[in-house]
């Protein structure tokens, strides 16, 4: 897997030209999004911080896996506490515009904390994505921090969320399955899409 950082954009107006399929990575602040990115890409490419809401920009990475390229779009964490209301509103507007209007996003990866699987903010994000998702798009829920759970708790979570995937950023567990799922969604069933 080859990774290239392209740019950080403070708003959708400064986003890169959409010329490859894209994956949008969403997660509330403190879900371990930067750690997930570093473990998934197998290199320290995103800065981790103990301050929630540190990622205020839309970051674009070009990923090449098995000869196929896509753009991974790292979005600002939602639910951040320590930012002004006007800034929070501006971010929200940016994200809303970006997610609804970016035609080449094929997959939304929604990161959720395995220790708090049913937070209202995550349910809201899930419902929000489902409210505008197109037939050619999918949502993939990935639970982080499973190393913090007992095996019985993981089993319970898997029953409750049968279509979700489970990773440990610390132990680098579950990432191969995430990569497989991405390849399946982007290329497996959609190979004919461009020819329709």
Foldseek 3Di string as FASTA:
>chain_A
DDKDWDDWALFPVPDDPPDFAEEEEAEAWPQCLQLCVCLLVVHNDGDDDPQTQPRNTWTWMWDADPNGIYIYTYATHPPHDPDDPVSNVVSVVRVVCCLQPVVRHAEYEYEDELVCRDDPVSVVVVVVCVVRPDPSHYYEYEYEDCVVDDPVSVVVVCVVPVRHFYAYSVVSPGSVVVVVVVCCSPCVPCVCVVVD
